[in-house]
Amino acid sequence: MKKLLALMLAAFAAEAAHAMPLTVPQIQTASTQTTRYDCKDGKSVSVQYTNTRNHQSFAALTVDGRKLLFVNVIAGSGAKYVADQYTWWTKGPQANLYDEMAAKEAPPLLADCAARKK
């Protein structure tokens, strides 16, 4: 598992204009979707969601200039993804990005983000 995550993180960390597709033969992609979110503070973020045939889910997004691969984890409601010290949590079309190392009272890094309508 560590080797797989290292390969995925390396692929998303590439700063090329056209990133090479991520290929891990043991984990086959079932679907990919990119969603753009507009946040309350005027910022926006693009998130690429990947679902696999073995029922894993990933979200790739850029945080503080770093391209990160978030892995879906269990949540009471919505879809919760984690990478490094960050949590990307979606509930329907809404989403927030949290820094788990920030003070407990700290606001989300990205708050009240809403998926753009297609």
N, C-alpha and C. Protein backbone atom coordinates (compact mmCIF):
# COMPACT_ATOMS: atom_id res chain seq x y z
N MET A 1 0.82 -1.19 0.00
CA MET A 1 0.00 0.00 0.00
C MET A 1 0.87 1.26 0.00
N LYS A 2 1.95 1.25 0.80
CA LYS A 2 2.83 2.42 0.84
C LYS A 2 3.45 2.68 -0.53
N LYS A 3 3.83 1.61 -1.22
CA LYS A 3 4.44 1.75 -2.53
C LYS A 3 3.44 2.35 -3.53
N LEU A 4 2.19 1.88 -3.46
CA LEU A 4 1.15 2.40 -4.33
C LEU A 4 0.92 3.88 -4.09
N LEU A 5 0.80 4.28 -2.84
CA LEU A 5 0.58 5.69 -2.52
C LEU A 5 1.76 6.54 -2.96
N ALA A 6 2.97 6.03 -2.78
CA ALA A 6 4.15 6.78 -3.21
C ALA A 6 4.13 7.00 -4.72
N LEU A 7 3.74 5.97 -5.47
CA LEU A 7 3.64 6.11 -6.92
C LEU A 7 2.59 7.13 -7.32
N MET A 8 1.44 7.09 -6.64
CA MET A 8 0.37 8.03 -6.97
C MET A 8 0.76 9.46 -6.62
N LEU A 9 1.37 9.65 -5.46
CA LEU A 9 1.79 11.01 -5.08
C LEU A 9 2.83 11.55 -6.03
N ALA A 10 3.76 10.70 -6.45
CA ALA A 10 4.78 11.14 -7.40
C ALA A 10 4.15 11.57 -8.71
N ALA A 11 3.15 10.83 -9.16
CA ALA A 11 2.49 11.16 -10.42
C ALA A 11 1.78 12.51 -10.33
N PHE A 12 1.11 12.78 -9.23
CA PHE A 12 0.39 14.04 -9.09
C PHE A 12 1.32 15.21 -8.78
N ALA A 13 2.52 14.93 -8.32
CA ALA A 13 3.45 16.00 -7.98
C ALA A 13 4.16 16.57 -9.20
N ALA A 14 4.05 15.89 -10.33
CA ALA A 14 4.72 16.36 -11.55
C ALA A 14 4.21 17.75 -11.91
N GLU A 15 5.10 18.65 -12.22
CA GLU A 15 4.70 20.03 -12.53
C GLU A 15 4.66 20.29 -14.04
N ALA A 16 4.59 19.24 -14.83
CA ALA A 16 4.53 19.39 -16.28
C ALA A 16 3.20 19.99 -16.69
N ALA A 17 3.19 20.69 -17.83
CA ALA A 17 1.96 21.29 -18.32
C ALA A 17 0.90 20.23 -18.58
N HIS A 18 1.31 19.10 -19.13
CA HIS A 18 0.40 17.98 -19.36
C HIS A 18 0.91 16.81 -18.54
N ALA A 19 0.27 16.58 -17.43
CA ALA A 19 0.70 15.50 -16.55
C ALA A 19 0.45 14.16 -17.21
N MET A 20 1.38 13.24 -16.98
CA MET A 20 1.21 11.89 -17.49
C MET A 20 0.08 11.22 -16.71
N PRO A 21 -0.71 10.37 -17.38
CA PRO A 21 -1.79 9.71 -16.65
C PRO A 21 -1.22 8.75 -15.62
N LEU A 22 -1.94 8.62 -14.53
CA LEU A 22 -1.56 7.71 -13.46
C LEU A 22 -1.96 6.30 -13.85
N THR A 23 -1.01 5.39 -13.87
CA THR A 23 -1.30 4.01 -14.21
C THR A 23 -0.76 3.09 -13.13
N VAL A 24 -1.66 2.43 -12.46
CA VAL A 24 -1.30 1.43 -11.45
C VAL A 24 -2.09 0.18 -11.82
N PRO A 25 -1.46 -0.81 -12.44
CA PRO A 25 -2.19 -1.97 -12.96
C PRO A 25 -3.06 -2.68 -11.92
N GLN A 26 -2.65 -2.66 -10.67
CA GLN A 26 -3.42 -3.35 -9.64
C GLN A 26 -4.72 -2.62 -9.28
N ILE A 27 -4.79 -1.34 -9.59
CA ILE A 27 -5.98 -0.54 -9.27
C ILE A 27 -6.48 0.07 -10.56
N GLN A 28 -7.62 -0.40 -11.02
CA GLN A 28 -8.15 0.04 -12.30
C GLN A 28 -9.21 1.11 -12.11
N THR A 29 -9.09 2.17 -12.88
CA THR A 29 -10.03 3.29 -12.80
C THR A 29 -11.37 2.89 -13.40
N ALA A 30 -12.44 3.19 -12.67
CA ALA A 30 -13.79 2.96 -13.18
C ALA A 30 -14.34 4.25 -13.77
N SER A 31 -14.07 5.39 -13.10
CA SER A 31 -14.55 6.68 -13.61
C SER A 31 -13.71 7.82 -13.05
N THR A 32 -13.67 8.90 -13.81
CA THR A 32 -12.96 10.11 -13.40
C THR A 32 -13.84 11.31 -13.73
N GLN A 33 -13.87 12.26 -12.81
CA GLN A 33 -14.68 13.47 -12.99
C GLN A 33 -13.94 14.65 -12.38
N THR A 34 -13.94 15.77 -13.06
CA THR A 34 -13.35 16.99 -12.52
C THR A 34 -14.46 17.97 -12.18
N THR A 35 -14.40 18.50 -10.95
CA THR A 35 -15.40 19.45 -10.48
C THR A 35 -14.69 20.71 -10.02
N ARG A 36 -15.21 21.85 -10.41
CA ARG A 36 -14.66 23.15 -10.00
C ARG A 36 -15.57 23.70 -8.90
N TYR A 37 -14.94 24.19 -7.82
CA TYR A 37 -15.67 24.75 -6.68
C TYR A 37 -15.33 26.22 -6.54
N ASP A 38 -16.32 27.04 -6.27
CA ASP A 38 -16.14 28.45 -5.94
C ASP A 38 -16.41 28.60 -4.45
N CYS A 39 -15.47 29.24 -3.74
CA CYS A 39 -15.55 29.33 -2.28
C CYS A 39 -15.97 30.73 -1.83
N LYS A 40 -16.42 30.77 -0.59
CA LYS A 40 -16.97 32.00 0.01
C LYS A 40 -15.99 33.17 -0.07
N ASP A 41 -14.68 32.90 0.05
CA ASP A 41 -13.69 33.97 0.07
C ASP A 41 -13.25 34.41 -1.32
N GLY A 42 -13.91 33.90 -2.36
CA GLY A 42 -13.57 34.28 -3.74
C GLY A 42 -12.57 33.35 -4.40
N LYS A 43 -11.97 32.45 -3.63
CA LYS A 43 -11.04 31.48 -4.21
C LYS A 43 -11.83 30.38 -4.91
N SER A 44 -11.14 29.68 -5.79
CA SER A 44 -11.76 28.51 -6.42
C SER A 44 -10.74 27.39 -6.47
N VAL A 45 -11.24 26.18 -6.59
CA VAL A 45 -10.38 25.01 -6.61
C VAL A 45 -10.99 23.98 -7.57
N SER A 46 -10.11 23.32 -8.31
CA SER A 46 -10.53 22.26 -9.21
C SER A 46 -10.12 20.93 -8.58
N VAL A 47 -11.05 19.99 -8.54
CA VAL A 47 -10.79 18.69 -7.91
C VAL A 47 -11.08 17.59 -8.92
N GLN A 48 -10.12 16.70 -9.08
CA GLN A 48 -10.33 15.53 -9.95
C GLN A 48 -10.64 14.33 -9.06
N TYR A 49 -11.83 13.78 -9.23
CA TYR A 49 -12.26 12.62 -8.46
C TYR A 49 -12.04 11.37 -9.31
N THR A 50 -11.51 10.33 -8.69
CA THR A 50 -11.30 9.06 -9.36
C THR A 50 -11.91 7.95 -8.52
N ASN A 51 -12.75 7.17 -9.15
CA ASN A 51 -13.31 5.98 -8.51
C ASN A 51 -12.72 4.77 -9.20
N THR A 52 -12.40 3.75 -8.42
CA THR A 52 -11.77 2.56 -8.97
C THR A 52 -12.72 1.38 -8.97
N ARG A 53 -12.35 0.37 -9.73
CA ARG A 53 -13.19 -0.83 -9.82
C ARG A 53 -13.23 -1.61 -8.52
N ASN A 54 -12.24 -1.42 -7.66
CA ASN A 54 -12.26 -2.11 -6.37
C ASN A 54 -12.88 -1.23 -5.28
N HIS A 55 -13.62 -0.20 -5.70
CA HIS A 55 -14.43 0.67 -4.83
C HIS A 55 -13.61 1.60 -3.94
N GLN A 56 -12.43 1.99 -4.38
CA GLN A 56 -11.68 3.05 -3.70
C GLN A 56 -11.99 4.36 -4.41
N SER A 57 -11.86 5.46 -3.66
CA SER A 57 -12.09 6.78 -4.23
C SER A 57 -10.94 7.71 -3.85
N PHE A 58 -10.56 8.55 -4.80
CA PHE A 58 -9.46 9.50 -4.61
C PHE A 58 -9.91 10.87 -5.09
N ALA A 59 -9.29 11.91 -4.53
CA ALA A 59 -9.52 13.28 -4.98
C ALA A 59 -8.15 13.93 -5.11
N ALA A 60 -7.87 14.52 -6.24
CA ALA A 60 -6.61 15.21 -6.47
C ALA A 60 -6.88 16.70 -6.53
N LEU A 61 -6.18 17.46 -5.68
CA LEU A 61 -6.33 18.91 -5.70
C LEU A 61 -5.04 19.57 -5.22
N THR A 62 -4.90 20.84 -5.50
CA THR A 62 -3.71 21.59 -5.14
C THR A 62 -3.97 22.37 -3.86
N VAL A 63 -3.06 22.20 -2.89
CA VAL A 63 -3.15 22.91 -1.61
C VAL A 63 -1.82 23.62 -1.38
N ASP A 64 -1.86 24.93 -1.22
CA ASP A 64 -0.64 25.74 -1.02
C ASP A 64 0.43 25.42 -2.05
N GLY A 65 0.01 25.30 -3.31
CA GLY A 65 0.94 25.06 -4.40
C GLY A 65 1.41 23.62 -4.54
N ARG A 66 0.93 22.72 -3.71
CA ARG A 66 1.31 21.30 -3.76
C ARG A 66 0.15 20.48 -4.31
N LYS A 67 0.43 19.68 -5.34
CA LYS A 67 -0.59 18.78 -5.86
C LYS A 67 -0.62 17.56 -4.95
N LEU A 68 -1.79 17.31 -4.36
CA LEU A 68 -1.93 16.21 -3.40
C LEU A 68 -2.99 15.23 -3.84
N LEU A 69 -2.78 13.97 -3.50
CA LEU A 69 -3.74 12.91 -3.75
C LEU A 69 -4.41 12.57 -2.43
N PHE A 70 -5.69 12.84 -2.34
CA PHE A 70 -6.48 12.57 -1.14
C PHE A 70 -7.16 11.21 -1.29
N VAL A 71 -7.21 10.46 -0.20
CA VAL A 71 -7.83 9.13 -0.19
C VAL A 71 -9.12 9.22 0.62
N ASN A 72 -10.17 8.60 0.10
CA ASN A 72 -11.47 8.59 0.77
C ASN A 72 -11.40 7.75 2.04
N VAL A 73 -11.94 8.31 3.14
CA VAL A 73 -12.01 7.60 4.42
C VAL A 73 -13.45 7.65 4.91
N ILE A 74 -13.76 6.86 5.90
CA ILE A 74 -15.12 6.78 6.42
C ILE A 74 -15.54 8.12 7.02
N ALA A 75 -16.82 8.48 6.80
CA ALA A 75 -17.36 9.74 7.31
C ALA A 75 -18.80 9.51 7.75
N GLY A 76 -19.23 10.27 8.74
CA GLY A 76 -20.60 10.18 9.21
C GLY A 76 -21.59 10.64 8.14
N SER A 77 -21.21 11.64 7.38
CA SER A 77 -22.03 12.11 6.27
C SER A 77 -21.12 12.74 5.22
N GLY A 78 -21.55 12.67 3.99
CA GLY A 78 -20.75 13.22 2.90
C GLY A 78 -19.60 12.31 2.53
N ALA A 79 -18.65 12.86 1.80
CA ALA A 79 -17.45 12.14 1.39
C ALA A 79 -16.24 12.86 1.96
N LYS A 80 -15.43 12.15 2.70
CA LYS A 80 -14.27 12.73 3.39
C LYS A 80 -13.00 12.14 2.78
N TYR A 81 -12.08 13.03 2.40
CA TYR A 81 -10.81 12.62 1.80
C TYR A 81 -9.68 13.22 2.62
N VAL A 82 -8.58 12.49 2.80
CA VAL A 82 -7.45 13.00 3.57
C VAL A 82 -6.14 12.83 2.80
N ALA A 83 -5.24 13.79 3.00
CA ALA A 83 -3.88 13.75 2.46
C ALA A 83 -3.01 14.61 3.36
N ASP A 84 -1.87 14.07 3.73
CA ASP A 84 -0.95 14.80 4.60
C ASP A 84 -1.74 15.30 5.82
N GLN A 85 -1.73 16.57 6.08
CA GLN A 85 -2.43 17.12 7.24
C GLN A 85 -3.80 17.71 6.88
N TYR A 86 -4.26 17.47 5.66
CA TYR A 86 -5.46 18.12 5.16
C TYR A 86 -6.64 17.17 5.02
N THR A 87 -7.83 17.72 5.18
CA THR A 87 -9.08 16.99 4.96
C THR A 87 -9.95 17.78 3.99
N TRP A 88 -10.37 17.15 2.92
CA TRP A 88 -11.31 17.71 1.95
C TRP A 88 -12.63 16.98 2.19
N TRP A 89 -13.67 17.72 2.62
CA TRP A 89 -14.91 17.09 3.02
C TRP A 89 -16.05 17.68 2.21
N THR A 90 -16.72 16.82 1.45
CA THR A 90 -17.84 17.26 0.64
C THR A 90 -19.15 16.70 1.19
N LYS A 91 -20.18 17.50 1.06
CA LYS A 91 -21.54 17.07 1.42
C LYS A 91 -22.45 17.62 0.34
N GLY A 92 -22.88 16.75 -0.56
CA GLY A 92 -23.63 17.20 -1.73
C GLY A 92 -22.74 18.11 -2.56
N PRO A 93 -23.24 19.28 -3.00
CA PRO A 93 -22.42 20.18 -3.82
C PRO A 93 -21.51 21.09 -2.99
N GLN A 94 -21.55 21.00 -1.67
CA GLN A 94 -20.76 21.86 -0.78
C GLN A 94 -19.47 21.15 -0.35
N ALA A 95 -18.41 21.93 -0.07
CA ALA A 95 -17.14 21.34 0.37
C ALA A 95 -16.34 22.33 1.22
N ASN A 96 -15.48 21.79 2.05
CA ASN A 96 -14.55 22.57 2.88
C ASN A 96 -13.21 21.88 2.91
N LEU A 97 -12.14 22.66 3.02
CA LEU A 97 -10.79 22.12 3.16
C LEU A 97 -10.27 22.52 4.54
N TYR A 98 -9.88 21.52 5.33
CA TYR A 98 -9.40 21.75 6.69
C TYR A 98 -7.93 21.41 6.81
N ASP A 99 -7.23 22.14 7.67
CA ASP A 99 -5.86 21.83 8.05
C ASP A 99 -5.94 21.23 9.46
N GLU A 100 -5.70 19.95 9.57
CA GLU A 100 -5.84 19.26 10.86
C GLU A 100 -4.77 19.65 11.87
N MET A 101 -3.73 20.36 11.43
CA MET A 101 -2.67 20.82 12.33
C MET A 101 -2.96 22.23 12.86
N ALA A 102 -3.98 22.87 12.33
CA ALA A 102 -4.34 24.23 12.77
C ALA A 102 -5.03 24.15 14.13
N ALA A 103 -5.12 25.28 14.79
CA ALA A 103 -5.81 25.35 16.08
C ALA A 103 -7.25 24.87 15.92
N LYS A 104 -7.78 24.31 16.97
CA LYS A 104 -9.13 23.73 16.93
C LYS A 104 -10.18 24.74 16.47
N GLU A 105 -10.01 26.01 16.83
CA GLU A 105 -10.97 27.05 16.49
C GLU A 105 -10.72 27.66 15.11
N ALA A 106 -9.64 27.27 14.46
CA ALA A 106 -9.27 27.87 13.17
C ALA A 106 -10.33 27.56 12.11
N PRO A 107 -10.64 28.53 11.26
CA PRO A 107 -11.61 28.28 10.19
C PRO A 107 -10.99 27.37 9.13
N PRO A 108 -11.81 26.78 8.28
CA PRO A 108 -11.27 25.97 7.18
C PRO A 108 -10.38 26.82 6.26
N LEU A 109 -9.43 26.17 5.60
CA LEU A 109 -8.58 26.87 4.61
C LEU A 109 -9.44 27.35 3.44
N LEU A 110 -10.37 26.53 3.03
CA LEU A 110 -11.37 26.89 2.02
C LEU A 110 -12.72 26.57 2.62
N ALA A 111 -13.59 27.57 2.71
CA ALA A 111 -14.88 27.39 3.39
C ALA A 111 -16.05 27.65 2.46
N ASP A 112 -17.11 26.94 2.71
CA ASP A 112 -18.36 27.13 1.98
C ASP A 112 -18.14 27.15 0.47
N CYS A 113 -17.43 26.14 -0.01
CA CYS A 113 -17.18 26.00 -1.44
C CYS A 113 -18.38 25.30 -2.08
N ALA A 114 -18.79 25.77 -3.23
CA ALA A 114 -19.93 25.19 -3.92
C ALA A 114 -19.52 24.75 -5.32
N ALA A 115 -19.93 23.54 -5.69
CA ALA A 115 -19.61 23.03 -7.02
C ALA A 115 -20.31 23.89 -8.06
N ARG A 116 -19.57 24.23 -9.12
CA ARG A 116 -20.18 25.00 -10.22
C ARG A 116 -21.18 24.11 -10.94
N LYS A 117 -22.27 24.73 -11.32
CA LYS A 117 -23.27 24.00 -12.10
C LYS A 117 -22.77 23.84 -13.52
N LYS A 118 -23.04 22.72 -14.09
CA LYS A 118 -22.58 22.44 -15.46
C LYS A 118 -23.52 23.01 -16.48
